C-alpha atoms as a PDB file:
ATOM      1  CA  MET A   1      17.934   1.415  25.536  1.00  0.00           C
ATOM      2  CA  GLY A   2      15.010   0.068  23.488  1.00  0.00           C
ATOM      3  CA  MET A   3      13.483   1.770  20.494  1.00  0.00           C
ATOM      4  CA  ARG A   4      10.865   4.352  21.391  1.00  0.00           C
ATOM      5  CA  LEU A   5       8.045   4.049  18.902  1.00  0.00           C
ATOM      6  CA  LYS A   6       6.404   7.339  18.077  1.00  0.00           C
ATOM      7  CA  VAL A   7       2.714   6.697  17.555  1.00  0.00           C
ATOM      8  CA  ALA A   8      -0.087   9.221  17.524  1.00  0.00           C
ATOM      9  CA  LYS A   9      -2.920   7.462  19.308  1.00  0.00           C
ATOM     10  CA  GLU A  10      -6.252   7.605  17.525  1.00  0.00           C
ATOM     11  CA  LYS A  11      -9.053   9.074  19.613  1.00  0.00           C
ATOM     12  CA  TRP A  12     -12.054   6.876  20.190  1.00  0.00           C
ATOM     13  CA  ASN A  13     -14.824   9.315  20.954  1.00  0.00           C
ATOM     14  CA  GLY A  14     -18.467  10.005  20.236  1.00  0.00           C
ATOM     15  CA  GLN A  15     -17.840  11.939  17.043  1.00  0.00           C
ATOM     16  CA  ILE A  16     -18.462   8.866  14.911  1.00  0.00           C
ATOM     17  CA  THR A  17     -22.062   7.718  14.969  1.00  0.00           C
ATOM     18  CA  GLY A  18     -23.562   4.355  14.100  1.00  0.00           C
ATOM     19  CA  THR A  19     -22.304   0.999  15.377  1.00  0.00           C
ATOM     20  CA  LYS A  20     -20.922  -0.238  12.047  1.00  0.00           C
ATOM     21  CA  GLU A  21     -19.180   3.056  11.249  1.00  0.00           C
ATOM     22  CA  GLN A  22     -17.776   3.310  14.764  1.00  0.00           C
ATOM     23  CA  ARG A  23     -16.436  -0.240  14.688  1.00  0.00           C
ATOM     24  CA  SER A  24     -14.832   0.377  11.288  1.00  0.00           C
ATOM     25  CA  ALA A  25     -13.135   3.530  12.566  1.00  0.00           C
ATOM     26  CA  LYS A  26     -11.824   1.757  15.668  1.00  0.00           C
ATOM     27  CA  LEU A  27     -10.504  -1.126  13.574  1.00  0.00           C
ATOM     28  CA  ARG A  28      -8.729   1.367  11.312  1.00  0.00           C
ATOM     29  CA  ALA A  29      -7.177   3.010  14.389  1.00  0.00           C
ATOM     30  CA  ILE A  30      -5.842  -0.350  15.578  1.00  0.00           C
ATOM     31  CA  LEU A  31      -4.484  -1.157  12.115  1.00  0.00           C
ATOM     32  CA  ASN A  32      -2.743   2.223  11.863  1.00  0.00           C
ATOM     33  CA  VAL A  33      -0.983   1.703  15.195  1.00  0.00           C
ATOM     34  CA  ALA A  34      -0.106  -1.920  14.411  1.00  0.00           C
ATOM     35  CA  ALA A  35       1.186  -1.096  10.924  1.00  0.00           C
ATOM     36  CA  ARG A  36       3.506   1.603  12.272  1.00  0.00           C
ATOM     37  CA  SER A  37       4.810  -0.755  14.933  1.00  0.00           C
ATOM     38  CA  PHE A  38       5.392  -3.573  12.427  1.00  0.00           C
ATOM     39  CA  LEU A  39       7.266  -1.159  10.152  1.00  0.00           C
ATOM     40  CA  GLU A  40       9.458   0.328  12.876  1.00  0.00           C
ATOM     41  CA  LYS A  41       9.897  -2.514  15.332  1.00  0.00           C
ATOM     42  CA  GLY A  42       9.247  -5.533  13.099  1.00  0.00           C
ATOM     43  CA  TYR A  43       6.261  -7.871  12.768  1.00  0.00           C
ATOM     44  CA  HIS A  44       7.735 -10.702  14.837  1.00  0.00           C
ATOM     45  CA  LYS A  45       9.003  -8.343  17.543  1.00  0.00           C
ATOM     46  CA  THR A  46       5.609  -6.686  17.983  1.00  0.00           C
ATOM     47  CA  SER A  47       3.098  -8.452  20.204  1.00  0.00           C
ATOM     48  CA  LEU A  48      -0.610  -7.893  20.622  1.00  0.00           C
ATOM     49  CA  ASP A  49       0.218  -6.678  24.130  1.00  0.00           C
ATOM     50  CA  ASP A  50       2.423  -3.989  22.540  1.00  0.00           C
ATOM     51  CA  ILE A  51      -0.362  -2.935  20.189  1.00  0.00           C
ATOM     52  CA  ALA A  52      -2.929  -2.820  22.997  1.00  0.00           C
ATOM     53  CA  LYS A  53      -0.591  -0.663  25.074  1.00  0.00           C
ATOM     54  CA  LEU A  54       0.097   1.715  22.176  1.00  0.00           C
ATOM     55  CA  GLN A  55      -3.628   2.046  21.487  1.00  0.00           C
ATOM     56  CA  ASN A  56      -4.367   2.383  25.216  1.00  0.00           C
ATOM     57  CA  VAL A  57      -6.877  -0.481  25.272  1.00  0.00           C
ATOM     58  CA  THR A  58      -6.921  -3.917  26.871  1.00  0.00           C
ATOM     59  CA  LYS A  59      -5.811  -6.984  24.951  1.00  0.00           C
ATOM     60  CA  PRO A  60      -9.320  -8.540  25.164  1.00  0.00           C
ATOM     61  CA  THR A  61     -10.616  -5.370  23.489  1.00  0.00           C
ATOM     62  CA  LEU A  62      -8.342  -6.051  20.496  1.00  0.00           C
ATOM     63  CA  TYR A  63      -9.956  -9.462  20.028  1.00  0.00           C
ATOM     64  CA  TYR A  64     -13.276  -7.748  19.444  1.00  0.00           C
ATOM     65  CA  TYR A  65     -11.790  -6.254  16.253  1.00  0.00           C
ATOM     66  CA  ILE A  66      -9.150  -8.781  15.142  1.00  0.00           C
ATOM     67  CA  LYS A  67      -8.750 -12.564  15.416  1.00  0.00           C
ATOM     68  CA  ASN A  68      -4.991 -12.626  15.998  1.00  0.00           C
ATOM     69  CA  LYS A  69      -1.800 -10.843  14.938  1.00  0.00           C
ATOM     70  CA  GLU A  70      -1.853 -12.377  11.455  1.00  0.00           C
ATOM     71  CA  ASP A  71      -5.382 -11.076  10.996  1.00  0.00           C
ATOM     72  CA  ILE A  72      -3.907  -7.566  11.209  1.00  0.00           C
ATOM     73  CA  LEU A  73      -1.914  -8.300   8.043  1.00  0.00           C
ATOM     74  CA  ILE A  74      -5.060  -9.629   6.373  1.00  0.00           C
ATOM     75  CA  GLN A  75      -7.106  -6.573   7.361  1.00  0.00           C
ATOM     76  CA  CYS A  76      -4.338  -4.211   6.212  1.00  0.00           C
ATOM     77  CA  GLU A  77      -4.276  -6.058   2.905  1.00  0.00           C
ATOM     78  CA  LYS A  78      -8.034  -5.642   2.421  1.00  0.00           C
ATOM     79  CA  ILE A  79      -7.741  -1.889   2.906  1.00  0.00           C
ATOM     80  CA  ALA A  80      -4.665  -1.655   0.677  1.00  0.00           C
ATOM     81  CA  MET A  81      -6.270  -3.639  -2.134  1.00  0.00           C
ATOM     82  CA  ALA A  82      -9.456  -1.578  -2.002  1.00  0.00           C
ATOM     83  CA  GLN A  83      -7.505   1.682  -2.255  1.00  0.00           C
ATOM     84  CA  ILE A  84      -5.152   0.487  -5.005  1.00  0.00           C
ATOM     85  CA  ASN A  85      -7.937  -1.011  -7.108  1.00  0.00           C
ATOM     86  CA  LEU A  86     -10.078   2.112  -6.745  1.00  0.00           C
ATOM     87  CA  PHE A  87      -7.102   4.196  -7.839  1.00  0.00           C
ATOM     88  CA  ILE A  88      -6.508   2.016 -10.906  1.00  0.00           C
ATOM     89  CA  ASP A  89     -10.228   2.237 -11.724  1.00  0.00           C
ATOM     90  CA  THR A  90      -9.880   6.005 -12.085  1.00  0.00           C
ATOM     91  CA  ILE A  91      -6.798   5.583 -14.298  1.00  0.00           C
ATOM     92  CA  GLU A  92      -8.580   3.136 -16.584  1.00  0.00           C
ATOM     93  CA  LYS A  93     -11.682   5.299 -16.921  1.00  0.00           C
ATOM     94  CA  SER A  94      -9.762   8.393 -18.019  1.00  0.00           C
ATOM     95  CA  ASN A  95      -9.588   9.460 -21.666  1.00  0.00           C
ATOM     96  CA  ASP A  96      -5.818  10.029 -21.531  1.00  0.00           C
ATOM     97  CA  ILE A  97      -3.439   8.314 -23.923  1.00  0.00           C
ATOM     98  CA  GLY A  98      -1.717   5.215 -22.585  1.00  0.00           C
ATOM     99  CA  PHE A  99       1.568   6.925 -21.730  1.00  0.00           C
ATOM    100  CA  LYS A 100      -0.236   9.587 -19.699  1.00  0.00           C
ATOM    101  CA  LYS A 101      -2.176   6.878 -17.855  1.00  0.00           C
ATOM    102  CA  LEU A 102       1.113   5.199 -17.013  1.00  0.00           C
ATOM    103  CA  GLN A 103       2.540   8.483 -15.735  1.00  0.00           C
ATOM    104  CA  ASN A 104      -0.560   9.069 -13.617  1.00  0.00           C
ATOM    105  CA  PHE A 105      -0.310   5.559 -12.225  1.00  0.00           C
ATOM    106  CA  ILE A 106       3.326   6.058 -11.179  1.00  0.00           C
ATOM    107  CA  ALA A 107       2.685   9.448  -9.539  1.00  0.00           C
ATOM    108  CA  GLY A 108      -0.450   8.267  -7.742  1.00  0.00           C
ATOM    109  CA  TYR A 109       1.041   4.964  -6.640  1.00  0.00           C
ATOM    110  CA  ILE A 110       3.910   6.833  -4.978  1.00  0.00           C
ATOM    111  CA  ASP A 111       1.309   8.652  -2.849  1.00  0.00           C
ATOM    112  CA  LEU A 112      -0.291   5.328  -1.936  1.00  0.00           C
ATOM    113  CA  VAL A 113       2.931   3.619  -0.834  1.00  0.00           C
ATOM    114  CA  MET A 114       3.507   6.393   1.690  1.00  0.00           C
ATOM    115  CA  ASP A 115       0.445   5.299   3.683  1.00  0.00           C
ATOM    116  CA  ASP A 116       1.447   3.169   6.690  1.00  0.00           C
ATOM    117  CA  ILE A 117      -1.202   0.500   6.137  1.00  0.00           C
ATOM    118  CA  ILE A 118      -0.266   0.104   2.468  1.00  0.00           C
ATOM    119  CA  ARG A 119       3.444   0.121   3.363  1.00  0.00           C
ATOM    120  CA  CYS A 120       2.750  -2.630   5.870  1.00  0.00           C
ATOM    121  CA  HIS A 121       0.890  -4.638   3.240  1.00  0.00           C
ATOM    122  CA  ILE A 122       3.690  -4.273   0.689  1.00  0.00           C
ATOM    123  CA  GLN A 123       6.387  -5.349   3.118  1.00  0.00           C
ATOM    124  CA  HIS A 124       4.446  -8.346   4.462  1.00  0.00           C
ATOM    125  CA  ARG A 125       2.587  -9.444   1.331  1.00  0.00           C
ATOM    126  CA  GLY A 126       2.259 -13.220   1.102  1.00  0.00           C
ATOM    127  CA  GLN A 127       3.914 -13.818   4.484  1.00  0.00           C
ATOM    128  CA  MET A 128       0.863 -15.258   6.206  1.00  0.00           C
ATOM    129  CA  LYS A 129       1.250 -18.723   7.741  1.00  0.00           C
ATOM    130  CA  ASP A 130      -2.289 -19.687   6.789  1.00  0.00           C
ATOM    131  CA  PRO A 131      -1.958 -21.221   3.278  1.00  0.00           C
ATOM    132  CA  ILE A 132      -5.323 -19.922   2.078  1.00  0.00           C
ATOM    133  CA  ALA A 133      -4.589 -16.369   3.250  1.00  0.00           C
ATOM    134  CA  LYS A 134      -1.108 -16.563   1.747  1.00  0.00           C
ATOM    135  CA  GLU A 135      -2.366 -17.679  -1.668  1.00  0.00           C
ATOM    136  CA  LYS A 136      -5.105 -15.053  -1.632  1.00  0.00           C
ATOM    137  CA  SER A 137      -2.488 -12.413  -0.859  1.00  0.00           C
ATOM    138  CA  LEU A 138      -0.382 -13.474  -3.844  1.00  0.00           C
ATOM    139  CA  ASP A 139      -3.499 -13.579  -6.041  1.00  0.00           C
ATOM    140  CA  TYR A 140      -4.289  -9.980  -5.071  1.00  0.00           C
ATOM    141  CA  HIS A 141      -0.799  -8.906  -6.120  1.00  0.00           C
ATOM    142  CA  ARG A 142      -0.979 -10.803  -9.409  1.00  0.00           C
ATOM    143  CA  ASP A 143      -4.324  -9.152 -10.185  1.00  0.00           C
ATOM    144  CA  ILE A 144      -2.924  -5.657  -9.575  1.00  0.00           C
ATOM    145  CA  GLU A 145       0.119  -6.421 -11.699  1.00  0.00           C
ATOM    146  CA  HIS A 146      -2.132  -7.736 -14.477  1.00  0.00           C
ATOM    147  CA  ARG A 147      -4.133  -4.497 -14.454  1.00  0.00           C
ATOM    148  CA  VAL A 148      -0.958  -2.435 -14.825  1.00  0.00           C
ATOM    149  CA  ARG A 149       0.216  -4.686 -17.657  1.00  0.00           C
ATOM    150  CA  LYS A 150      -3.036  -3.850 -19.443  1.00  0.00           C
ATOM    151  CA  ILE A 151      -2.334  -0.121 -19.070  1.00  0.00           C
ATOM    152  CA  ILE A 152       1.118  -0.641 -20.560  1.00  0.00           C
ATOM    153  CA  ALA A 153      -0.288  -2.767 -23.397  1.00  0.00           C
ATOM    154  CA  GLU A 154      -2.822  -0.035 -24.148  1.00  0.00           C
ATOM    155  CA  ALA A 155      -0.003   2.509 -24.335  1.00  0.00           C
ATOM    156  CA  ILE A 156       1.858   0.280 -26.771  1.00  0.00           C
ATOM    157  CA  ALA A 157      -1.280  -0.121 -28.873  1.00  0.00           C
ATOM    158  CA  ASP A 158      -1.842   3.640 -29.156  1.00  0.00           C
ATOM    159  CA  HIS A 159       1.877   4.111 -29.942  1.00  0.00           C
ATOM    160  CA  SER A 160       2.519   6.443 -27.002  1.00  0.00           C
ATOM    161  CA  VAL A 161       4.888   3.837 -25.530  1.00  0.00           C
ATOM    162  CA  ARG A 162       7.507   1.998 -27.557  1.00  0.00           C
ATOM    163  CA  ASN A 163       7.075  -1.670 -28.345  1.00  0.00           C
ATOM    164  CA  CYS A 164       8.135  -3.589 -25.240  1.00  0.00           C
ATOM    165  CA  ASN A 165       7.174  -6.506 -22.997  1.00  0.00           C
ATOM    166  CA  PRO A 166       4.361  -5.303 -20.652  1.00  0.00           C
ATOM    167  CA  THR A 167       5.060  -8.067 -18.124  1.00  0.00           C
ATOM    168  CA  ILE A 168       8.721  -7.153 -17.731  1.00  0.00           C
ATOM    169  CA  ILE A 169       7.962  -3.428 -17.525  1.00  0.00           C
ATOM    170  CA  ALA A 170       5.216  -3.976 -14.922  1.00  0.00           C
ATOM    171  CA  ILE A 171       7.544  -6.085 -12.741  1.00  0.00           C
ATOM    172  CA  LEU A 172      10.304  -3.475 -12.985  1.00  0.00           C
ATOM    173  CA  LEU A 173       7.849  -0.711 -12.104  1.00  0.00           C
ATOM    174  CA  PHE A 174       6.521  -2.493  -9.035  1.00  0.00           C
ATOM    175  CA  ASP A 175       9.997  -3.447  -7.833  1.00  0.00           C
ATOM    176  CA  SER A 176      10.994   0.223  -8.024  1.00  0.00           C
ATOM    177  CA  LEU A 177       7.805   1.761  -6.633  1.00  0.00           C
ATOM    178  CA  ASN A 178       7.232  -0.760  -3.851  1.00  0.00           C
ATOM    179  CA  GLY A 179      10.843  -0.247  -2.791  1.00  0.00           C
ATOM    180  CA  ILE A 180       9.947   3.327  -1.843  1.00  0.00           C
ATOM    181  CA  SER A 181       7.836   1.953   1.013  1.00  0.00           C
ATOM    182  CA  ALA A 182      10.961   0.546   2.660  1.00  0.00           C
ATOM    183  CA  TRP A 183      12.981   3.747   2.876  1.00  0.00           C
ATOM    184  CA  TYR A 184      10.789   6.836   2.453  1.00  0.00           C
ATOM    185  CA  ARG A 185       9.858   8.701   5.636  1.00  0.00           C
ATOM    186  CA  LYS A 186       7.508  11.679   5.756  1.00  0.00           C
ATOM    187  CA  GLU A 187       9.723  13.308   8.359  1.00  0.00           C
ATOM    188  CA  GLY A 188      12.859  12.677   6.278  1.00  0.00           C
ATOM    189  CA  THR A 189      14.806  15.039   4.017  1.00  0.00           C
ATOM    190  CA  VAL A 190      13.430  13.756   0.694  1.00  0.00           C
ATOM    191  CA  ASN A 191      10.695  15.989  -0.720  1.00  0.00           C
ATOM    192  CA  LYS A 192       7.719  14.002  -2.004  1.00  0.00           C
ATOM    193  CA  GLU A 193       7.265  16.101  -5.136  1.00  0.00           C
ATOM    194  CA  ASP A 194      10.972  15.821  -5.955  1.00  0.00           C
ATOM    195  CA  LEU A 195      10.657  12.070  -5.518  1.00  0.00           C
ATOM    196  CA  LYS A 196       7.745  11.928  -7.947  1.00  0.00           C
ATOM    197  CA  LYS A 197       9.606  14.047 -10.480  1.00  0.00           C
ATOM    198  CA  GLU A 198      12.717  11.871 -10.399  1.00  0.00           C
ATOM    199  CA  ALA A 199      10.720   8.628 -10.432  1.00  0.00           C
ATOM    200  CA  LEU A 200       8.703   9.740 -13.452  1.00  0.00           C
ATOM    201  CA  SER A 201      11.843  10.793 -15.279  1.00  0.00           C
ATOM    202  CA  LEU A 202      13.711   7.588 -14.499  1.00  0.00           C
ATOM    203  CA  LEU A 203      10.843   5.159 -15.061  1.00  0.00           C
ATOM    204  CA  THR A 204       9.205   6.599 -18.176  1.00  0.00           C
ATOM    205  CA  LYS A 205      11.841   8.235 -20.393  1.00  0.00           C
ATOM    206  CA  GLY A 206      12.950   4.880 -21.711  1.00  0.00           C
ATOM    207  CA  LEU A 207       9.380   3.970 -22.604  1.00  0.00           C
ATOM    208  CA  VAL A 208       8.420   6.962 -24.734  1.00  0.00           C
ATOM    209  CA  SER A 209       7.608   6.015 -28.298  1.00  0.00           C
ATOM    210  CA  GLN A 210       9.858   7.614 -30.908  1.00  0.00           C
ATOM    211  CA  ASN A 211       7.144   7.359 -33.577  1.00  0.00           C
END
């Protein structure tokens, strides 16, 4: 018996006005369905026919919103990068000390990696066959990592975090936090707030400055 993918189909109705807004909403609906299928069934085992069937549209209709299956990964990445960068913007603009900014980043990033589109991006980052798209994907990740290194460096400078190597700490943080996207399930037994509490304890206690 094959896997039965549980997908809540997005309604395409007249509630969204304006051609551009409507198209954006329909694209997001397709990406949500595709991301869930990639995560549960696998990218290579999911076809555009599968996605069209899950979304209850024809395959030609999909081509109005996406170029091909790989374009789904690219579109998911655009959304993920916009959300992550906007989130880091708010962290950087705050007046908190560096350690508090780092705590806020960890807690907020855990919320982000629970989103299906962002989970899809994390698990398929840099896997595009197109060399330009692949390099751009890796550049996006390097830019995000660089921004987090700056937060860590700021915390070291204000003495709220012990003297350490920001690059190593950033890599360790992302390895831990991105790993959540592979196993956490909203319908599972792990409570999200408990997860945040344990992650903050594990990932920050060793960084607190003793000064």
